[in-house]
Amino acid sequence: MELEEEIEKILKNKPGGMTVHDIAQQLMEKGVLNDNDSSVCYFQVHARTHNMPEIFERRGDKVKLKK
């Protein structure tokens, strides 16, 4: 499964969205992102959600699914 699909699954039940940090933390807990450096995981989530505006809506550090 692609990273953006995992992010979508997390955000599906969070209509108000989540911070990039919280999304990265959940992905690390699920074992989707296995890097020991949390800043790398944070950057991966930040980059993926920033580069996919057709799926994700960004407001600062907060991400939610587009309607």
PDB file of N, CA and C in Angstrom:
ATOM      1  N   MET A   1       0.841  -1.171   0.000  1.00  0.00           N
ATOM      2  CA  MET A   1       0.000   0.000   0.000  1.00  0.00           C
ATOM      3  C   MET A   1       0.892   1.241   0.000  1.00  0.00           C
ATOM      4  N   GLU A   2       0.501   2.222  -0.772  1.00  0.00           N
ATOM      5  CA  GLU A   2       1.265   3.458  -0.884  1.00  0.00           C
ATOM      6  C   GLU A   2       1.090   4.309   0.376  1.00  0.00           C
ATOM      7  N   LEU A   3       2.069   5.154   0.642  1.00  0.00           N
ATOM      8  CA  LEU A   3       2.042   5.996   1.829  1.00  0.00           C
ATOM      9  C   LEU A   3       0.795   6.879   1.863  1.00  0.00           C
ATOM     10  N   GLU A   4       0.427   7.466   0.728  1.00  0.00           N
ATOM     11  CA  GLU A   4      -0.746   8.343   0.724  1.00  0.00           C
ATOM     12  C   GLU A   4      -2.027   7.578   1.060  1.00  0.00           C
ATOM     13  N   GLU A   5      -2.088   6.294   0.711  1.00  0.00           N
ATOM     14  CA  GLU A   5      -3.255   5.487   1.063  1.00  0.00           C
ATOM     15  C   GLU A   5      -3.315   5.249   2.574  1.00  0.00           C
ATOM     16  N   GLU A   6      -2.166   5.044   3.172  1.00  0.00           N
ATOM     17  CA  GLU A   6      -2.112   4.867   4.627  1.00  0.00           C
ATOM     18  C   GLU A   6      -2.517   6.160   5.331  1.00  0.00           C
ATOM     19  N   ILE A   7      -2.077   7.289   4.801  1.00  0.00           N
ATOM     20  CA  ILE A   7      -2.441   8.581   5.379  1.00  0.00           C
ATOM     21  C   ILE A   7      -3.948   8.798   5.242  1.00  0.00           C
ATOM     22  N   GLU A   8      -4.501   8.454   4.088  1.00  0.00           N
ATOM     23  CA  GLU A   8      -5.942   8.576   3.878  1.00  0.00           C
ATOM     24  C   GLU A   8      -6.718   7.739   4.899  1.00  0.00           C
ATOM     25  N   LYS A   9      -6.261   6.523   5.154  1.00  0.00           N
ATOM     26  CA  LYS A   9      -6.928   5.652   6.131  1.00  0.00           C
ATOM     27  C   LYS A   9      -6.950   6.303   7.511  1.00  0.00           C
ATOM     28  N   ILE A  10      -5.846   6.922   7.884  1.00  0.00           N
ATOM     29  CA  ILE A  10      -5.767   7.582   9.191  1.00  0.00           C
ATOM     30  C   ILE A  10      -6.715   8.782   9.245  1.00  0.00           C
ATOM     31  N   LEU A  11      -6.761   9.564   8.179  1.00  0.00           N
ATOM     32  CA  LEU A  11      -7.551  10.791   8.175  1.00  0.00           C
ATOM     33  C   LEU A  11      -9.043  10.550   7.941  1.00  0.00           C
ATOM     34  N   LYS A  12      -9.392   9.379   7.470  1.00  0.00           N
ATOM     35  CA  LYS A  12     -10.791   9.075   7.143  1.00  0.00           C
ATOM     36  C   LYS A  12     -11.719   9.332   8.327  1.00  0.00           C
ATOM     37  N   ASN A  13     -11.288   9.006   9.531  1.00  0.00           N
ATOM     38  CA  ASN A  13     -12.115   9.183  10.719  1.00  0.00           C
ATOM     39  C   ASN A  13     -11.774  10.447  11.492  1.00  0.00           C
ATOM     40  N   LYS A  14     -11.044  11.350  10.857  1.00  0.00           N
ATOM     41  CA  LYS A  14     -10.642  12.611  11.488  1.00  0.00           C
ATOM     42  C   LYS A  14     -11.064  13.775  10.592  1.00  0.00           C
ATOM     43  N   PRO A  15     -12.370  14.109  10.551  1.00  0.00           N
ATOM     44  CA  PRO A  15     -12.836  15.166   9.639  1.00  0.00           C
ATOM     45  C   PRO A  15     -12.194  16.527   9.893  1.00  0.00           C
ATOM     46  N   GLY A  16     -11.738  16.754  11.140  1.00  0.00           N
ATOM     47  CA  GLY A  16     -11.076  18.022  11.449  1.00  0.00           C
ATOM     48  C   GLY A  16      -9.611  18.032  11.065  1.00  0.00           C
ATOM     49  N   GLY A  17      -9.102  16.877  10.640  1.00  0.00           N
ATOM     50  CA  GLY A  17      -7.708  16.760  10.245  1.00  0.00           C
ATOM     51  C   GLY A  17      -6.786  16.454  11.411  1.00  0.00           C
ATOM     52  N   MET A  18      -5.519  16.356  11.105  1.00  0.00           N
ATOM     53  CA  MET A  18      -4.483  16.059  12.096  1.00  0.00           C
ATOM     54  C   MET A  18      -3.220  16.796  11.694  1.00  0.00           C
ATOM     55  N   THR A  19      -2.325  16.960  12.647  1.00  0.00           N
ATOM     56  CA  THR A  19      -1.045  17.568  12.313  1.00  0.00           C
ATOM     57  C   THR A  19      -0.167  16.530  11.610  1.00  0.00           C
ATOM     58  N   VAL A  20       0.788  17.010  10.854  1.00  0.00           N
ATOM     59  CA  VAL A  20       1.736  16.133  10.177  1.00  0.00           C
ATOM     60  C   VAL A  20       2.470  15.280  11.212  1.00  0.00           C
ATOM     61  N   HIS A  21       2.829  15.877  12.328  1.00  0.00           N
ATOM     62  CA  HIS A  21       3.533  15.152  13.387  1.00  0.00           C
ATOM     63  C   HIS A  21       2.688  13.982  13.894  1.00  0.00           C
ATOM     64  N   ASP A  22       1.402  14.221  14.158  1.00  0.00           N
ATOM     65  CA  ASP A  22       0.527  13.162  14.673  1.00  0.00           C
ATOM     66  C   ASP A  22       0.325  12.051  13.649  1.00  0.00           C
ATOM     67  N   ILE A  23       0.212  12.418  12.377  1.00  0.00           N
ATOM     68  CA  ILE A  23       0.080  11.410  11.320  1.00  0.00           C
ATOM     69  C   ILE A  23       1.342  10.563  11.264  1.00  0.00           C
ATOM     70  N   ALA A  24       2.499  11.215  11.286  1.00  0.00           N
ATOM     71  CA  ALA A  24       3.769  10.483  11.242  1.00  0.00           C
ATOM     72  C   ALA A  24       3.895   9.549  12.435  1.00  0.00           C
ATOM     73  N   GLN A  25       3.488  10.012  13.600  1.00  0.00           N
ATOM     74  CA  GLN A  25       3.553   9.188  14.808  1.00  0.00           C
ATOM     75  C   GLN A  25       2.687   7.933  14.661  1.00  0.00           C
ATOM     76  N   GLN A  26       1.481   8.093  14.140  1.00  0.00           N
ATOM     77  CA  GLN A  26       0.608   6.934  13.952  1.00  0.00           C
ATOM     78  C   GLN A  26       1.185   5.969  12.922  1.00  0.00           C
ATOM     79  N   LEU A  27       1.779   6.500  11.865  1.00  0.00           N
ATOM     80  CA  LEU A  27       2.380   5.636  10.845  1.00  0.00           C
ATOM     81  C   LEU A  27       3.564   4.859  11.419  1.00  0.00           C
ATOM     82  N   MET A  28       4.338   5.495  12.289  1.00  0.00           N
ATOM     83  CA  MET A  28       5.461   4.800  12.925  1.00  0.00           C
ATOM     84  C   MET A  28       4.947   3.721  13.872  1.00  0.00           C
ATOM     85  N   GLU A  29       3.889   4.017  14.619  1.00  0.00           N
ATOM     86  CA  GLU A  29       3.313   3.034  15.541  1.00  0.00           C
ATOM     87  C   GLU A  29       2.756   1.826  14.793  1.00  0.00           C
ATOM     88  N   LYS A  30       2.192   2.062  13.594  1.00  0.00           N
ATOM     89  CA  LYS A  30       1.650   0.973  12.785  1.00  0.00           C
ATOM     90  C   LYS A  30       2.748   0.211  12.039  1.00  0.00           C
ATOM     91  N   GLY A  31       3.961   0.740  12.040  1.00  0.00           N
ATOM     92  CA  GLY A  31       5.058   0.089  11.336  1.00  0.00           C
ATOM     93  C   GLY A  31       5.126   0.419   9.860  1.00  0.00           C
ATOM     94  N   VAL A  32       4.338   1.404   9.428  1.00  0.00           N
ATOM     95  CA  VAL A  32       4.361   1.812   8.016  1.00  0.00           C
ATOM     96  C   VAL A  32       5.649   2.555   7.708  1.00  0.00           C
ATOM     97  N   LEU A  33       6.055   3.441   8.623  1.00  0.00           N
ATOM     98  CA  LEU A  33       7.321   4.154   8.498  1.00  0.00           C
ATOM     99  C   LEU A  33       8.243   3.591   9.567  1.00  0.00           C
ATOM    100  N   ASN A  34       9.301   2.942   9.147  1.00  0.00           N
ATOM    101  CA  ASN A  34      10.164   2.224  10.077  1.00  0.00           C
ATOM    102  C   ASN A  34      11.449   2.948  10.419  1.00  0.00           C
ATOM    103  N   ASP A  35      11.572   4.196  10.007  1.00  0.00           N
ATOM    104  CA  ASP A  35      12.805   4.930  10.262  1.00  0.00           C
ATOM    105  C   ASP A  35      12.909   5.283  11.741  1.00  0.00           C
ATOM    106  N   ASN A  36      14.073   5.143  12.327  1.00  0.00           N
ATOM    107  CA  ASN A  36      14.266   5.480  13.735  1.00  0.00           C
ATOM    108  C   ASN A  36      14.305   6.979  13.975  1.00  0.00           C
ATOM    109  N   ASP A  37      14.475   7.758  12.920  1.00  0.00           N
ATOM    110  CA  ASP A  37      14.548   9.213  13.033  1.00  0.00           C
ATOM    111  C   ASP A  37      13.167   9.794  12.742  1.00  0.00           C
ATOM    112  N   SER A  38      12.488  10.271  13.768  1.00  0.00           N
ATOM    113  CA  SER A  38      11.125  10.765  13.584  1.00  0.00           C
ATOM    114  C   SER A  38      11.066  11.973  12.647  1.00  0.00           C
ATOM    115  N   SER A  39      12.144  12.743  12.544  1.00  0.00           N
ATOM    116  CA  SER A  39      12.131  13.888  11.634  1.00  0.00           C
ATOM    117  C   SER A  39      12.061  13.438  10.178  1.00  0.00           C
ATOM    118  N   VAL A  40      12.638  12.280   9.853  1.00  0.00           N
ATOM    119  CA  VAL A  40      12.553  11.735   8.495  1.00  0.00           C
ATOM    120  C   VAL A  40      11.108  11.340   8.195  1.00  0.00           C
ATOM    121  N   CYS A  41      10.459  10.681   9.151  1.00  0.00           N
ATOM    122  CA  CYS A  41       9.072  10.276   8.977  1.00  0.00           C
ATOM    123  C   CYS A  41       8.173  11.499   8.820  1.00  0.00           C
ATOM    124  N   TYR A  42       8.406  12.518   9.640  1.00  0.00           N
ATOM    125  CA  TYR A  42       7.660  13.768   9.555  1.00  0.00           C
ATOM    126  C   TYR A  42       7.816  14.368   8.162  1.00  0.00           C
ATOM    127  N   PHE A  43       9.038  14.405   7.655  1.00  0.00           N
ATOM    128  CA  PHE A  43       9.288  14.988   6.336  1.00  0.00           C
ATOM    129  C   PHE A  43       8.586  14.194   5.238  1.00  0.00           C
ATOM    130  N   GLN A  44       8.568  12.872   5.345  1.00  0.00           N
ATOM    131  CA  GLN A  44       7.892  12.036   4.342  1.00  0.00           C
ATOM    132  C   GLN A  44       6.400  12.362   4.283  1.00  0.00           C
ATOM    133  N   VAL A  45       5.772  12.488   5.445  1.00  0.00           N
ATOM    134  CA  VAL A  45       4.344  12.816   5.490  1.00  0.00           C
ATOM    135  C   VAL A  45       4.117  14.231   4.976  1.00  0.00           C
ATOM    136  N   HIS A  46       4.953  15.159   5.403  1.00  0.00           N
ATOM    137  CA  HIS A  46       4.837  16.545   4.945  1.00  0.00           C
ATOM    138  C   HIS A  46       4.926  16.616   3.426  1.00  0.00           C
ATOM    139  N   ALA A  47       5.932  15.983   2.858  1.00  0.00           N
ATOM    140  CA  ALA A  47       6.148  16.035   1.410  1.00  0.00           C
ATOM    141  C   ALA A  47       5.003  15.376   0.649  1.00  0.00           C
ATOM    142  N   ARG A  48       4.580  14.213   1.089  1.00  0.00           N
ATOM    143  CA  ARG A  48       3.524  13.489   0.367  1.00  0.00           C
ATOM    144  C   ARG A  48       2.215  14.268   0.385  1.00  0.00           C
ATOM    145  N   THR A  49       1.851  14.824   1.537  1.00  0.00           N
ATOM    146  CA  THR A  49       0.581  15.560   1.614  1.00  0.00           C
ATOM    147  C   THR A  49       0.672  16.899   0.883  1.00  0.00           C
ATOM    148  N   HIS A  50       1.836  17.493   0.874  1.00  0.00           N
ATOM    149  CA  HIS A  50       2.031  18.767   0.161  1.00  0.00           C
ATOM    150  C   HIS A  50       1.971  18.571  -1.353  1.00  0.00           C
ATOM    151  N   ASN A  51       2.502  17.456  -1.835  1.00  0.00           N
ATOM    152  CA  ASN A  51       2.582  17.204  -3.280  1.00  0.00           C
ATOM    153  C   ASN A  51       1.338  16.551  -3.862  1.00  0.00           C
ATOM    154  N   MET A  52       0.315  16.343  -3.049  1.00  0.00           N
ATOM    155  CA  MET A  52      -0.915  15.713  -3.536  1.00  0.00           C
ATOM    156  C   MET A  52      -2.130  16.555  -3.146  1.00  0.00           C
ATOM    157  N   PRO A  53      -2.206  17.794  -3.673  1.00  0.00           N
ATOM    158  CA  PRO A  53      -3.318  18.677  -3.290  1.00  0.00           C
ATOM    159  C   PRO A  53      -4.673  18.183  -3.775  1.00  0.00           C
ATOM    160  N   GLU A  54      -4.686  17.241  -4.701  1.00  0.00           N
ATOM    161  CA  GLU A  54      -5.952  16.680  -5.167  1.00  0.00           C
ATOM    162  C   GLU A  54      -6.579  15.751  -4.117  1.00  0.00           C
ATOM    163  N   ILE A  55      -5.782  15.294  -3.161  1.00  0.00           N
ATOM    164  CA  ILE A  55      -6.261  14.386  -2.112  1.00  0.00           C
ATOM    165  C   ILE A  55      -6.300  15.081  -0.754  1.00  0.00           C
ATOM    166  N   PHE A  56      -5.266  15.871  -0.464  1.00  0.00           N
ATOM    167  CA  PHE A  56      -5.108  16.447   0.875  1.00  0.00           C
ATOM    168  C   PHE A  56      -5.238  17.965   0.864  1.00  0.00           C
ATOM    169  N   GLU A  57      -5.886  18.475   1.900  1.00  0.00           N
ATOM    170  CA  GLU A  57      -5.979  19.915   2.106  1.00  0.00           C
ATOM    171  C   GLU A  57      -5.031  20.277   3.243  1.00  0.00           C
ATOM    172  N   ARG A  58      -4.166  21.258   2.998  1.00  0.00           N
ATOM    173  CA  ARG A  58      -3.164  21.660   3.992  1.00  0.00           C
ATOM    174  C   ARG A  58      -3.463  23.062   4.492  1.00  0.00           C
ATOM    175  N   ARG A  59      -3.363  23.227   5.781  1.00  0.00           N
ATOM    176  CA  ARG A  59      -3.416  24.542   6.428  1.00  0.00           C
ATOM    177  C   ARG A  59      -2.312  24.554   7.460  1.00  0.00           C
ATOM    178  N   GLY A  60      -1.197  25.119   7.082  1.00  0.00           N
ATOM    179  CA  GLY A  60      -0.032  25.094   7.952  1.00  0.00           C
ATOM    180  C   GLY A  60       0.432  23.660   8.149  1.00  0.00           C
ATOM    181  N   ASP A  61       0.474  23.224   9.394  1.00  0.00           N
ATOM    182  CA  ASP A  61       0.931  21.887   9.723  1.00  0.00           C
ATOM    183  C   ASP A  61      -0.231  20.885   9.788  1.00  0.00           C
ATOM    184  N   LYS A  62      -1.446  21.354   9.586  1.00  0.00           N
ATOM    185  CA  LYS A  62      -2.636  20.513   9.693  1.00  0.00           C
ATOM    186  C   LYS A  62      -3.034  19.989   8.316  1.00  0.00           C
ATOM    187  N   VAL A  63      -3.410  18.711   8.278  1.00  0.00           N
ATOM    188  CA  VAL A  63      -3.783  18.039   7.033  1.00  0.00           C
ATOM    189  C   VAL A  63      -5.146  17.409   7.216  1.00  0.00           C
ATOM    190  N   LYS A  64      -5.990  17.529   6.193  1.00  0.00           N
ATOM    191  CA  LYS A  64      -7.235  16.788   6.178  1.00  0.00           C
ATOM    192  C   LYS A  64      -7.541  16.364   4.753  1.00  0.00           C
ATOM    193  N   LEU A  65      -8.461  15.420   4.626  1.00  0.00           N
ATOM    194  CA  LEU A  65      -8.830  14.938   3.293  1.00  0.00           C
ATOM    195  C   LEU A  65      -9.681  15.990   2.611  1.00  0.00           C
ATOM    196  N   LYS A  66      -9.473  16.129   1.296  1.00  0.00           N
ATOM    197  CA  LYS A  66     -10.323  17.016   0.526  1.00  0.00           C
ATOM    198  C   LYS A  66     -11.689  16.385   0.406  1.00  0.00           C
ATOM    199  N   LYS A  67     -12.682  17.219   0.381  1.00  0.00           N
ATOM    200  CA  LYS A  67     -14.067  16.716   0.274  1.00  0.00           C
ATOM    201  C   LYS A  67     -14.394  16.331  -1.130  1.00  0.00           C
TER     202      LYS A  67
END
